[in-house]
Amino acid sequence: MENQALQNSGLPVLLIWGEEDQSISLDQIEVLQQILPKSKTRIVEDAGHLVHYERSDELNPEIVDYLDRISK
């Protein structure tokens, strides 16, 4: 039921995942991609669970750009 509500929400989703994440596996990301087929996924090499902190210089502009695009 929760998956269907998430699918039907229409909310834009940006998934950012670090390849070295020990908390969330690639399998779980793939499940999210199936549940949210319109989501955008960014997989970051050599980054862990706190990828947005580890690679903030690289990711912040991408996040701002994504938010900019969905707000129009």
PDB file of N, CA and C in Angstrom:
ATOM      1  N   MET A   1       0.825  -1.202   0.000  1.00  0.00           N
ATOM      2  CA  MET A   1       0.000   0.000   0.000  1.00  0.00           C
ATOM      3  C   MET A   1       0.866   1.264   0.000  1.00  0.00           C
ATOM      4  N   GLU A   2       1.918   1.278   0.834  1.00  0.00           N
ATOM      5  CA  GLU A   2       2.774   2.446   0.898  1.00  0.00           C
ATOM      6  C   GLU A   2       3.488   2.681  -0.426  1.00  0.00           C
ATOM      7  N   ASN A   3       3.920   1.605  -1.092  1.00  0.00           N
ATOM      8  CA  ASN A   3       4.579   1.743  -2.386  1.00  0.00           C
ATOM      9  C   ASN A   3       3.661   2.391  -3.398  1.00  0.00           C
ATOM     10  N   GLN A   4       2.402   1.977  -3.404  1.00  0.00           N
ATOM     11  CA  GLN A   4       1.451   2.535  -4.356  1.00  0.00           C
ATOM     12  C   GLN A   4       1.221   4.016  -4.080  1.00  0.00           C
ATOM     13  N   ALA A   5       1.128   4.392  -2.823  1.00  0.00           N
ATOM     14  CA  ALA A   5       0.949   5.797  -2.474  1.00  0.00           C
ATOM     15  C   ALA A   5       2.157   6.602  -2.928  1.00  0.00           C
ATOM     16  N   LEU A   6       3.342   6.038  -2.760  1.00  0.00           N
ATOM     17  CA  LEU A   6       4.553   6.709  -3.203  1.00  0.00           C
ATOM     18  C   LEU A   6       4.579   6.840  -4.723  1.00  0.00           C
ATOM     19  N   GLN A   7       4.211   5.779  -5.414  1.00  0.00           N
ATOM     20  CA  GLN A   7       4.171   5.805  -6.879  1.00  0.00           C
ATOM     21  C   GLN A   7       3.180   6.839  -7.382  1.00  0.00           C
ATOM     22  N   ASN A   8       2.072   6.943  -6.723  1.00  0.00           N
ATOM     23  CA  ASN A   8       0.997   7.836  -7.178  1.00  0.00           C
ATOM     24  C   ASN A   8       1.140   9.264  -6.681  1.00  0.00           C
ATOM     25  N   SER A   9       2.139   9.530  -5.875  1.00  0.00           N
ATOM     26  CA  SER A   9       2.280  10.862  -5.288  1.00  0.00           C
ATOM     27  C   SER A   9       2.595  11.930  -6.321  1.00  0.00           C
ATOM     28  N   GLY A  10       3.269  11.538  -7.397  1.00  0.00           N
ATOM     29  CA  GLY A  10       3.638  12.507  -8.415  1.00  0.00           C
ATOM     30  C   GLY A  10       4.786  13.412  -8.005  1.00  0.00           C
ATOM     31  N   LEU A  11       5.369  13.157  -6.862  1.00  0.00           N
ATOM     32  CA  LEU A  11       6.473  13.989  -6.386  1.00  0.00           C
ATOM     33  C   LEU A  11       7.749  13.684  -7.156  1.00  0.00           C
ATOM     34  N   PRO A  12       8.491  14.707  -7.518  1.00  0.00           N
ATOM     35  CA  PRO A  12       9.774  14.469  -8.179  1.00  0.00           C
ATOM     36  C   PRO A  12      10.768  13.905  -7.157  1.00  0.00           C
ATOM     37  N   VAL A  13      11.585  12.968  -7.606  1.00  0.00           N
ATOM     38  CA  VAL A  13      12.529  12.311  -6.697  1.00  0.00           C
ATOM     39  C   VAL A  13      13.901  12.257  -7.345  1.00  0.00           C
ATOM     40  N   LEU A  14      14.898  12.672  -6.583  1.00  0.00           N
ATOM     41  CA  LEU A  14      16.288  12.549  -6.976  1.00  0.00           C
ATOM     42  C   LEU A  14      16.952  11.606  -5.988  1.00  0.00           C
ATOM     43  N   LEU A  15      17.356  10.427  -6.466  1.00  0.00           N
ATOM     44  CA  LEU A  15      18.053   9.462  -5.624  1.00  0.00           C
ATOM     45  C   LEU A  15      19.548   9.655  -5.816  1.00  0.00           C
ATOM     46  N   ILE A  16      20.257   9.884  -4.722  1.00  0.00           N
ATOM     47  CA  ILE A  16      21.711  10.010  -4.782  1.00  0.00           C
ATOM     48  C   ILE A  16      22.273   8.915  -3.891  1.00  0.00           C
ATOM     49  N   TRP A  17      23.117   8.077  -4.452  1.00  0.00           N
ATOM     50  CA  TRP A  17      23.628   6.925  -3.721  1.00  0.00           C
ATOM     51  C   TRP A  17      25.119   6.784  -3.929  1.00  0.00           C
ATOM     52  N   GLY A  18      25.836   6.563  -2.851  1.00  0.00           N
ATOM     53  CA  GLY A  18      27.270   6.320  -2.920  1.00  0.00           C
ATOM     54  C   GLY A  18      27.543   4.835  -3.073  1.00  0.00           C
ATOM     55  N   GLU A  19      28.368   4.484  -4.031  1.00  0.00           N
ATOM     56  CA  GLU A  19      28.662   3.072  -4.309  1.00  0.00           C
ATOM     57  C   GLU A  19      29.216   2.316  -3.099  1.00  0.00           C
ATOM     58  N   GLU A  20      29.861   3.010  -2.201  1.00  0.00           N
ATOM     59  CA  GLU A  20      30.462   2.362  -1.036  1.00  0.00           C
ATOM     60  C   GLU A  20      29.539   2.384   0.184  1.00  0.00           C
ATOM     61  N   ASP A  21      28.272   2.737  -0.016  1.00  0.00           N
ATOM     62  CA  ASP A  21      27.302   2.819   1.076  1.00  0.00           C
ATOM     63  C   ASP A  21      27.141   1.451   1.734  1.00  0.00           C
ATOM     64  N   GLN A  22      27.366   1.395   3.043  1.00  0.00           N
ATOM     65  CA  GLN A  22      27.223   0.155   3.800  1.00  0.00           C
ATOM     66  C   GLN A  22      25.844   0.044   4.456  1.00  0.00           C
ATOM     67  N   SER A  23      25.032   1.094   4.358  1.00  0.00           N
ATOM     68  CA  SER A  23      23.700   1.095   4.979  1.00  0.00           C
ATOM     69  C   SER A  23      22.591   0.769   3.996  1.00  0.00           C
ATOM     70  N   ILE A  24      22.727   1.245   2.770  1.00  0.00           N
ATOM     71  CA  ILE A  24      21.716   1.031   1.735  1.00  0.00           C
ATOM     72  C   ILE A  24      22.400   0.368   0.555  1.00  0.00           C
ATOM     73  N   SER A  25      21.890  -0.788   0.175  1.00  0.00           N
ATOM     74  CA  SER A  25      22.528  -1.559  -0.898  1.00  0.00           C
ATOM     75  C   SER A  25      22.026  -1.121  -2.275  1.00  0.00           C
ATOM     76  N   LEU A  26      22.787  -1.494  -3.279  1.00  0.00           N
ATOM     77  CA  LEU A  26      22.366  -1.228  -4.655  1.00  0.00           C
ATOM     78  C   LEU A  26      21.032  -1.905  -4.942  1.00  0.00           C
ATOM     79  N   ASP A  27      20.808  -3.083  -4.364  1.00  0.00           N
ATOM     80  CA  ASP A  27      19.522  -3.773  -4.545  1.00  0.00           C
ATOM     81  C   ASP A  27      18.362  -2.899  -4.071  1.00  0.00           C
ATOM     82  N   GLN A  28      18.559  -2.204  -2.956  1.00  0.00           N
ATOM     83  CA  GLN A  28      17.504  -1.337  -2.438  1.00  0.00           C
ATOM     84  C   GLN A  28      17.276  -0.131  -3.345  1.00  0.00           C
ATOM     85  N   ILE A  29      18.349   0.382  -3.918  1.00  0.00           N
ATOM     86  CA  ILE A  29      18.217   1.489  -4.873  1.00  0.00           C
ATOM     87  C   ILE A  29      17.438   1.017  -6.096  1.00  0.00           C
ATOM     88  N   GLU A  30      17.734  -0.183  -6.555  1.00  0.00           N
ATOM     89  CA  GLU A  30      17.028  -0.727  -7.720  1.00  0.00           C
ATOM     90  C   GLU A  30      15.546  -0.917  -7.432  1.00  0.00           C
ATOM     91  N   VAL A  31      15.197  -1.311  -6.203  1.00  0.00           N
ATOM     92  CA  VAL A  31      13.785  -1.427  -5.822  1.00  0.00           C
ATOM     93  C   VAL A  31      13.118  -0.053  -5.872  1.00  0.00           C
ATOM     94  N   LEU A  32      13.801   0.950  -5.340  1.00  0.00           N
ATOM     95  CA  LEU A  32      13.262   2.315  -5.390  1.00  0.00           C
ATOM     96  C   LEU A  32      13.070   2.781  -6.827  1.00  0.00           C
ATOM     97  N   GLN A  33      14.009   2.434  -7.702  1.00  0.00           N
ATOM     98  CA  GLN A  33      13.883   2.817  -9.107  1.00  0.00           C
ATOM     99  C   GLN A  33      12.669   2.151  -9.745  1.00  0.00           C
ATOM    100  N   GLN A  34      12.349   0.931  -9.342  1.00  0.00           N
ATOM    101  CA  GLN A  34      11.163   0.251  -9.868  1.00  0.00           C
ATOM    102  C   GLN A  34       9.890   0.894  -9.339  1.00  0.00           C
ATOM    103  N   ILE A  35       9.911   1.255  -8.060  1.00  0.00           N
ATOM    104  CA  ILE A  35       8.743   1.889  -7.449  1.00  0.00           C
ATOM    105  C   ILE A  35       8.531   3.286  -8.019  1.00  0.00           C
ATOM    106  N   LEU A  36       9.646   3.964  -8.306  1.00  0.00           N
ATOM    107  CA  LEU A  36       9.603   5.349  -8.787  1.00  0.00           C
ATOM    108  C   LEU A  36      10.285   5.450 -10.150  1.00  0.00           C
ATOM    109  N   PRO A  37       9.651   4.925 -11.195  1.00  0.00           N
ATOM    110  CA  PRO A  37      10.312   4.876 -12.504  1.00  0.00           C
ATOM    111  C   PRO A  37      10.643   6.245 -13.102  1.00  0.00           C
ATOM    112  N   LYS A  38      10.007   7.290 -12.632  1.00  0.00           N
ATOM    113  CA  LYS A  38      10.296   8.627 -13.155  1.00  0.00           C
ATOM    114  C   LYS A  38      11.370   9.345 -12.337  1.00  0.00           C
ATOM    115  N   SER A  39      11.874   8.682 -11.312  1.00  0.00           N
ATOM    116  CA  SER A  39      12.910   9.304 -10.488  1.00  0.00           C
ATOM    117  C   SER A  39      14.215   9.403 -11.268  1.00  0.00           C
ATOM    118  N   LYS A  40      15.038  10.347 -10.855  1.00  0.00           N
ATOM    119  CA  LYS A  40      16.369  10.483 -11.424  1.00  0.00           C
ATOM    120  C   LYS A  40      17.337   9.903 -10.399  1.00  0.00           C
ATOM    121  N   THR A  41      18.269   9.077 -10.855  1.00  0.00           N
ATOM    122  CA  THR A  41      19.232   8.446  -9.957  1.00  0.00           C
ATOM    123  C   THR A  41      20.638   8.890 -10.308  1.00  0.00           C
ATOM    124  N   ARG A  42      21.369   9.243  -9.276  1.00  0.00           N
ATOM    125  CA  ARG A  42      22.778   9.625  -9.441  1.00  0.00           C
ATOM    126  C   ARG A  42      23.595   8.711  -8.542  1.00  0.00           C
ATOM    127  N   ILE A  43      24.388   7.828  -9.140  1.00  0.00           N
ATOM    128  CA  ILE A  43      25.258   6.937  -8.393  1.00  0.00           C
ATOM    129  C   ILE A  43      26.652   7.542  -8.389  1.00  0.00           C
ATOM    130  N   VAL A  44      27.220   7.685  -7.202  1.00  0.00           N
ATOM    131  CA  VAL A  44      28.504   8.356  -7.042  1.00  0.00           C
ATOM    132  C   VAL A  44      29.565   7.320  -6.659  1.00  0.00           C
ATOM    133  N   GLU A  45      30.596   7.237  -7.473  1.00  0.00           N
ATOM    134  CA  GLU A  45      31.698   6.313  -7.210  1.00  0.00           C
ATOM    135  C   GLU A  45      32.529   6.800  -6.030  1.00  0.00           C
ATOM    136  N   ASP A  46      33.133   5.853  -5.320  1.00  0.00           N
ATOM    137  CA  ASP A  46      34.039   6.161  -4.204  1.00  0.00           C
ATOM    138  C   ASP A  46      33.405   7.061  -3.153  1.00  0.00           C
ATOM    139  N   ALA A  47      32.142   6.811  -2.853  1.00  0.00           N
ATOM    140  CA  ALA A  47      31.446   7.582  -1.826  1.00  0.00           C
ATOM    141  C   ALA A  47      30.579   6.631  -1.004  1.00  0.00           C
ATOM    142  N   GLY A  48      30.368   6.982   0.259  1.00  0.00           N
ATOM    143  CA  GLY A  48      29.594   6.137   1.157  1.00  0.00           C
ATOM    144  C   GLY A  48      28.205   6.669   1.413  1.00  0.00           C
ATOM    145  N   HIS A  49      27.694   6.365   2.612  1.00  0.00           N
ATOM    146  CA  HIS A  49      26.322   6.699   2.973  1.00  0.00           C
ATOM    147  C   HIS A  49      26.089   8.204   3.069  1.00  0.00           C
ATOM    148  N   LEU A  50      27.097   8.948   3.459  1.00  0.00           N
ATOM    149  CA  LEU A  50      26.946  10.402   3.589  1.00  0.00           C
ATOM    150  C   LEU A  50      27.505  11.116   2.364  1.00  0.00           C
ATOM    151  N   VAL A  51      27.142  10.601   1.226  1.00  0.00           N
ATOM    152  CA  VAL A  51      27.668  11.091  -0.047  1.00  0.00           C
ATOM    153  C   VAL A  51      27.459  12.594  -0.228  1.00  0.00           C
ATOM    154  N   HIS A  52      26.348  13.111   0.261  1.00  0.00           N
ATOM    155  CA  HIS A  52      26.071  14.545   0.108  1.00  0.00           C
ATOM    156  C   HIS A  52      27.033  15.394   0.936  1.00  0.00           C
ATOM    157  N   TYR A  53      27.633  14.827   1.974  1.00  0.00           N
ATOM    158  CA  TYR A  53      28.688  15.527   2.725  1.00  0.00           C
ATOM    159  C   TYR A  53      30.062  15.254   2.125  1.00  0.00           C
ATOM    160  N   GLU A  54      30.297  13.983   1.798  1.00  0.00           N
ATOM    161  CA  GLU A  54      31.599  13.578   1.268  1.00  0.00           C
ATOM    162  C   GLU A  54      31.937  14.279  -0.046  1.00  0.00           C
ATOM    163  N   ARG A  55      30.925  14.489  -0.861  1.00  0.00           N
ATOM    164  CA  ARG A  55      31.146  15.053  -2.194  1.00  0.00           C
ATOM    165  C   ARG A  55      30.282  16.280  -2.433  1.00  0.00           C
ATOM    166  N   SER A  56      30.143  17.114  -1.408  1.00  0.00           N
ATOM    167  CA  SER A  56      29.247  18.269  -1.495  1.00  0.00           C
ATOM    168  C   SER A  56      29.630  19.231  -2.619  1.00  0.00           C
ATOM    169  N   ASP A  57      30.934  19.431  -2.841  1.00  0.00           N
ATOM    170  CA  ASP A  57      31.347  20.351  -3.916  1.00  0.00           C
ATOM    171  C   ASP A  57      30.855  19.877  -5.278  1.00  0.00           C
ATOM    172  N   GLU A  58      30.809  18.580  -5.462  1.00  0.00           N
ATOM    173  CA  GLU A  58      30.370  17.992  -6.729  1.00  0.00           C
ATOM    174  C   GLU A  58      28.844  17.920  -6.818  1.00  0.00           C
ATOM    175  N   LEU A  59      28.202  17.548  -5.706  1.00  0.00           N
ATOM    176  CA  LEU A  59      26.763  17.270  -5.746  1.00  0.00           C
ATOM    177  C   LEU A  59      25.875  18.492  -5.543  1.00  0.00           C
ATOM    178  N   ASN A  60      26.315  19.452  -4.745  1.00  0.00           N
ATOM    179  CA  ASN A  60      25.457  20.607  -4.484  1.00  0.00           C
ATOM    180  C   ASN A  60      24.987  21.314  -5.753  1.00  0.00           C
ATOM    181  N   PRO A  61      25.868  21.569  -6.726  1.00  0.00           N
ATOM    182  CA  PRO A  61      25.377  22.191  -7.959  1.00  0.00           C
ATOM    183  C   PRO A  61      24.349  21.321  -8.693  1.00  0.00           C
ATOM    184  N   GLU A  62      24.535  20.010  -8.661  1.00  0.00           N
ATOM    185  CA  GLU A  62      23.571  19.113  -9.315  1.00  0.00           C
ATOM    186  C   GLU A  62      22.228  19.139  -8.607  1.00  0.00           C
ATOM    187  N   ILE A  63      22.267  19.176  -7.280  1.00  0.00           N
ATOM    188  CA  ILE A  63      21.020  19.228  -6.510  1.00  0.00           C
ATOM    189  C   ILE A  63      20.293  20.542  -6.765  1.00  0.00           C
ATOM    190  N   VAL A  64      21.020  21.632  -6.749  1.00  0.00           N
ATOM    191  CA  VAL A  64      20.419  22.946  -7.020  1.00  0.00           C
ATOM    192  C   VAL A  64      19.827  22.969  -8.427  1.00  0.00           C
ATOM    193  N   ASP A  65      20.550  22.440  -9.400  1.00  0.00           N
ATOM    194  CA  ASP A  65      20.055  22.385 -10.776  1.00  0.00           C
ATOM    195  C   ASP A  65      18.774  21.558 -10.863  1.00  0.00           C
ATOM    196  N   TYR A  66      18.743  20.411 -10.195  1.00  0.00           N
ATOM    197  CA  TYR A  66      17.555  19.558 -10.196  1.00  0.00           C
ATOM    198  C   TYR A  66      16.369  20.302  -9.579  1.00  0.00           C
ATOM    199  N   LEU A  67      16.590  20.926  -8.429  1.00  0.00           N
ATOM    200  CA  LEU A  67      15.516  21.672  -7.781  1.00  0.00           C
ATOM    201  C   LEU A  67      15.039  22.837  -8.646  1.00  0.00           C
ATOM    202  N   ASP A  68      15.964  23.463  -9.316  1.00  0.00           N
ATOM    203  CA  ASP A  68      15.625  24.554 -10.230  1.00  0.00           C
ATOM    204  C   ASP A  68      14.719  24.056 -11.359  1.00  0.00           C
ATOM    205  N   ARG A  69      15.081  22.927 -11.944  1.00  0.00           N
ATOM    206  CA  ARG A  69      14.304  22.376 -13.067  1.00  0.00           C
ATOM    207  C   ARG A  69      12.914  21.936 -12.650  1.00  0.00           C
ATOM    208  N   ILE A  70      12.783  21.333 -11.469  1.00  0.00           N
ATOM    209  CA  ILE A  70      11.448  20.848 -11.081  1.00  0.00           C
ATOM    210  C   ILE A  70      10.542  21.954 -10.574  1.00  0.00           C
ATOM    211  N   SER A  71      11.115  23.091 -10.249  1.00  0.00           N
ATOM    212  CA  SER A  71      10.291  24.184  -9.719  1.00  0.00           C
ATOM    213  C   SER A  71       9.663  25.027 -10.820  1.00  0.00           C
ATOM    214  N   LYS A  72      10.018  24.755 -12.062  1.00  0.00           N
ATOM    215  CA  LYS A  72       9.490  25.551 -13.176  1.00  0.00           C
ATOM    216  C   LYS A  72       8.234  24.950 -13.744  1.00  0.00           C
TER     217      LYS A  72
END
